[in-house]
Amino acid sequence: MKSKKAKIFVLPTDTLYGICASAFCKEMVEKIYDIKGRNEKKPFIILISNPMDLEKFGISKTFLKAHKELLEKVWPGKISVILPISDNRFAYLHRGKKSLAFRMPRKKSLQMILKKTGPLVAPSANPEGLKPAQTIREAKAYFGDKVDVYVSGGRLTGAPSTIIEIAKNGYVKLVREGRVKVSLSN
């Protein structure tokens, strides 16, 4: 049964417009895959309000403590970090990859939303293979009434987030260079 509070919405993130829903609502996550026509093997980036949100996904305090310096260097900011996930409750999010990408945005208005909603899946607002919506008008043309709420932030242009991965063994690698240039050393 769909919760009356469960909604899918498009809003301006710190990089591009995102099509968002609670990361803890499997039904809404699956609906976004359907709406976007997204490859079901590709996990979404999850926006968080603070590093403690990672514990809600079963990421251990020990792992987080070991990588605290790196996380403090990149967050808040436009860098998404892939972290290992072993908790099978989140298989609908990690799609068999046993890892998830998280980003803690710096944008104050988005931080306020995340503190109210909790972690959100936030892939770019576009169907798979098409360019990301730069305006709410473009997002509405893509999704129409399949999205419950549209929040305008004007025209958004630019690149997606940079993605780095921290493997279980602690090795750090660049997965995608996006908006922020990074220099990694292991």
Protein backbone atom coordinates (compact mmCIF):
# COMPACT_ATOMS: atom_id res chain seq x y z
CA MET A 1 0.00 0.00 0.00
CA LYS A 2 1.32 3.44 -0.93
CA SER A 3 1.80 5.80 1.99
CA LYS A 4 -0.04 9.11 1.67
CA LYS A 5 3.27 10.83 2.46
CA ALA A 6 5.29 8.85 -0.12
CA LYS A 7 5.91 11.19 -3.00
CA ILE A 8 8.14 11.54 -6.01
CA PHE A 9 9.36 15.05 -6.64
CA VAL A 10 11.73 16.96 -8.87
CA LEU A 11 13.89 19.53 -7.15
CA PRO A 12 17.10 21.44 -7.71
CA THR A 13 20.01 19.58 -6.13
CA ASP A 14 23.50 20.96 -5.72
CA THR A 15 24.41 19.82 -9.25
CA LEU A 16 21.35 19.29 -11.50
CA TYR A 17 17.61 18.79 -11.13
CA GLY A 18 16.98 15.45 -9.47
CA ILE A 19 13.95 13.18 -9.45
CA CYS A 20 13.74 12.24 -5.78
CA ALA A 21 12.02 10.02 -3.23
CA SER A 22 12.83 8.60 0.18
CA ALA A 23 15.68 6.11 -0.01
CA PHE A 24 13.76 4.03 2.55
CA CYS A 25 10.59 3.69 0.43
CA LYS A 26 11.21 0.73 -1.88
CA GLU A 27 7.97 1.33 -3.78
CA MET A 28 8.94 4.91 -4.70
CA VAL A 29 12.50 3.88 -5.61
CA GLU A 30 11.11 1.26 -8.00
CA LYS A 31 8.68 3.82 -9.42
CA ILE A 32 11.56 6.17 -10.24
CA TYR A 33 13.33 3.34 -12.11
CA ASP A 34 10.13 2.87 -14.10
CA ILE A 35 9.53 6.59 -14.75
CA LYS A 36 13.13 7.16 -15.91
CA GLY A 37 13.30 3.92 -17.91
CA ARG A 38 16.58 3.41 -16.05
CA ASN A 39 18.75 0.33 -16.29
CA GLU A 40 17.69 -1.61 -13.19
CA LYS A 41 21.27 -2.69 -12.48
CA LYS A 42 22.44 0.92 -11.94
CA PRO A 43 22.02 2.18 -8.36
CA PHE A 44 20.99 5.77 -7.65
CA ILE A 45 23.04 8.35 -5.78
CA ILE A 46 21.61 9.02 -2.32
CA LEU A 47 21.64 12.50 -0.81
CA ILE A 48 22.28 12.70 2.94
CA SER A 49 22.23 15.58 5.42
CA ASN A 50 25.17 14.39 7.53
CA PRO A 51 27.64 11.48 7.75
CA MET A 52 25.66 9.88 10.59
CA ASP A 53 22.95 9.08 8.01
CA LEU A 54 25.35 6.45 6.63
CA GLU A 55 24.84 4.30 9.72
CA LYS A 56 21.15 3.96 8.72
CA PHE A 57 22.41 1.98 5.72
CA GLY A 58 24.47 -0.41 7.84
CA ILE A 59 27.83 1.25 7.21
CA SER A 60 29.86 0.59 10.32
CA LYS A 61 31.21 3.29 12.62
CA THR A 62 34.60 1.58 12.36
CA PHE A 63 34.65 1.96 8.56
CA LEU A 64 33.49 5.56 8.81
CA LYS A 65 36.11 6.38 11.43
CA ALA A 66 38.83 4.89 9.21
CA HIS A 67 37.79 7.19 6.35
CA LYS A 68 36.69 10.21 8.35
CA GLU A 69 39.48 12.46 7.05
CA LEU A 70 38.61 11.80 3.38
CA LEU A 71 34.87 12.23 3.96
CA GLU A 72 35.45 15.52 5.79
CA LYS A 73 37.60 16.68 2.86
CA VAL A 74 34.92 16.03 0.21
CA TRP A 75 31.71 16.75 2.18
CA PRO A 76 29.71 18.81 2.07
CA GLY A 77 30.24 19.24 -1.63
CA LYS A 78 29.60 18.05 -5.16
CA ILE A 79 31.40 14.74 -4.72
CA SER A 80 29.51 11.46 -4.40
CA VAL A 81 31.27 8.68 -2.53
CA ILE A 82 30.59 4.99 -3.23
CA LEU A 83 30.79 2.97 -0.02
CA PRO A 84 30.47 -0.79 0.54
CA ILE A 85 27.06 -1.99 1.80
CA SER A 86 26.58 -5.49 3.15
CA ASP A 87 23.05 -5.12 4.51
CA ASN A 88 20.64 -7.07 2.28
CA ARG A 89 17.72 -4.90 3.40
CA PHE A 90 19.05 -2.38 0.89
CA ALA A 91 19.33 -4.73 -2.10
CA TYR A 92 16.57 -2.66 -3.79
CA LEU A 93 19.02 0.27 -3.62
CA HIS A 94 22.39 -1.38 -4.36
CA ARG A 95 20.94 -3.63 -7.09
CA GLY A 96 23.38 -6.47 -6.33
CA LYS A 97 26.44 -4.21 -6.37
CA LYS A 98 26.87 -4.33 -2.55
CA SER A 99 27.77 -0.60 -2.61
CA LEU A 100 25.95 2.72 -2.74
CA ALA A 101 26.92 6.27 -3.72
CA PHE A 102 26.20 9.01 -1.20
CA ARG A 103 26.53 12.79 -1.44
CA MET A 104 26.21 15.39 1.27
CA PRO A 105 25.37 18.66 -0.50
CA ARG A 106 26.55 22.06 0.72
CA LYS A 107 23.46 23.91 -0.57
CA LYS A 108 21.60 25.18 2.54
CA SER A 109 18.07 24.87 1.12
CA LEU A 110 18.74 21.26 0.12
CA GLN A 111 20.26 20.52 3.54
CA MET A 112 17.05 21.77 5.18
CA ILE A 113 14.94 19.50 2.96
CA LEU A 114 17.15 16.48 3.73
CA LYS A 115 16.91 17.10 7.47
CA LYS A 116 13.11 16.93 7.15
CA THR A 117 12.83 14.05 4.67
CA GLY A 118 15.83 11.91 5.52
CA PRO A 119 18.06 10.41 2.80
CA LEU A 120 16.74 10.76 -0.76
CA VAL A 121 17.52 8.89 -3.95
CA ALA A 122 18.28 11.65 -6.43
CA PRO A 123 19.14 10.62 -9.97
CA SER A 124 19.14 13.36 -12.58
CA ALA A 125 15.71 14.43 -13.82
CA ASN A 126 15.67 12.85 -17.26
CA PRO A 127 14.71 9.59 -18.91
CA GLU A 128 17.66 7.24 -19.46
CA GLY A 129 19.75 8.40 -22.41
CA LEU A 130 18.31 11.93 -22.64
CA LYS A 131 19.93 15.14 -21.40
CA PRO A 132 19.14 16.18 -17.82
CA ALA A 133 16.32 18.70 -17.43
CA GLN A 134 17.69 22.23 -16.99
CA THR A 135 14.30 23.71 -16.05
CA ILE A 136 11.11 22.57 -14.39
CA ARG A 137 9.36 22.98 -17.75
CA GLU A 138 11.76 20.42 -19.27
CA ALA A 139 11.26 18.07 -16.29
CA LYS A 140 7.47 18.33 -16.67
CA ALA A 141 7.80 17.57 -20.39
CA TYR A 142 9.72 14.41 -19.47
CA PHE A 143 7.57 13.18 -16.58
CA GLY A 144 4.22 15.02 -16.56
CA ASP A 145 1.86 13.83 -13.85
CA LYS A 146 4.07 10.81 -12.98
CA VAL A 147 5.82 13.17 -10.55
CA ASP A 148 3.84 14.42 -7.54
CA VAL A 149 5.65 17.72 -6.89
CA TYR A 150 7.93 20.00 -8.92
CA VAL A 151 10.16 22.54 -7.14
CA SER A 152 11.69 25.20 -9.35
CA GLY A 153 15.19 26.52 -8.89
CA GLY A 154 15.46 28.38 -12.18
CA ARG A 155 17.72 27.17 -14.99
CA LEU A 156 20.37 24.69 -13.84
CA THR A 157 23.29 23.91 -16.10
CA GLY A 158 26.52 22.14 -15.46
CA ALA A 159 27.99 18.75 -14.86
CA PRO A 160 26.91 15.95 -12.56
CA SER A 161 28.78 15.20 -9.35
CA THR A 162 32.24 13.71 -9.30
CA ILE A 163 32.14 10.11 -8.04
CA ILE A 164 34.87 8.41 -6.02
CA GLU A 165 34.80 4.93 -4.51
CA ILE A 166 36.18 3.70 -1.22
CA ALA A 167 36.48 -0.08 -1.43
CA LYS A 168 36.29 -2.42 1.58
CA ASN A 169 40.08 -2.71 1.50
CA GLY A 170 40.33 1.09 1.80
CA TYR A 171 41.51 1.66 -1.78
CA VAL A 172 40.13 4.93 -3.19
CA LYS A 173 39.56 5.45 -6.91
CA LEU A 174 37.99 8.03 -9.19
CA VAL A 175 34.90 6.60 -10.90
CA ARG A 176 33.61 9.71 -12.72
CA GLU A 177 35.05 13.17 -12.96
CA GLY A 178 32.19 15.62 -12.86
CA ARG A 179 31.75 19.08 -11.51
CA VAL A 180 34.70 18.89 -9.09
CA LYS A 181 38.24 17.89 -10.02
CA VAL A 182 39.89 15.59 -7.47
CA SER A 183 43.37 14.31 -6.85
CA LEU A 184 43.51 10.98 -5.05
CA SER A 185 46.45 9.26 -3.46
CA ASN A 186 46.32 5.85 -1.78
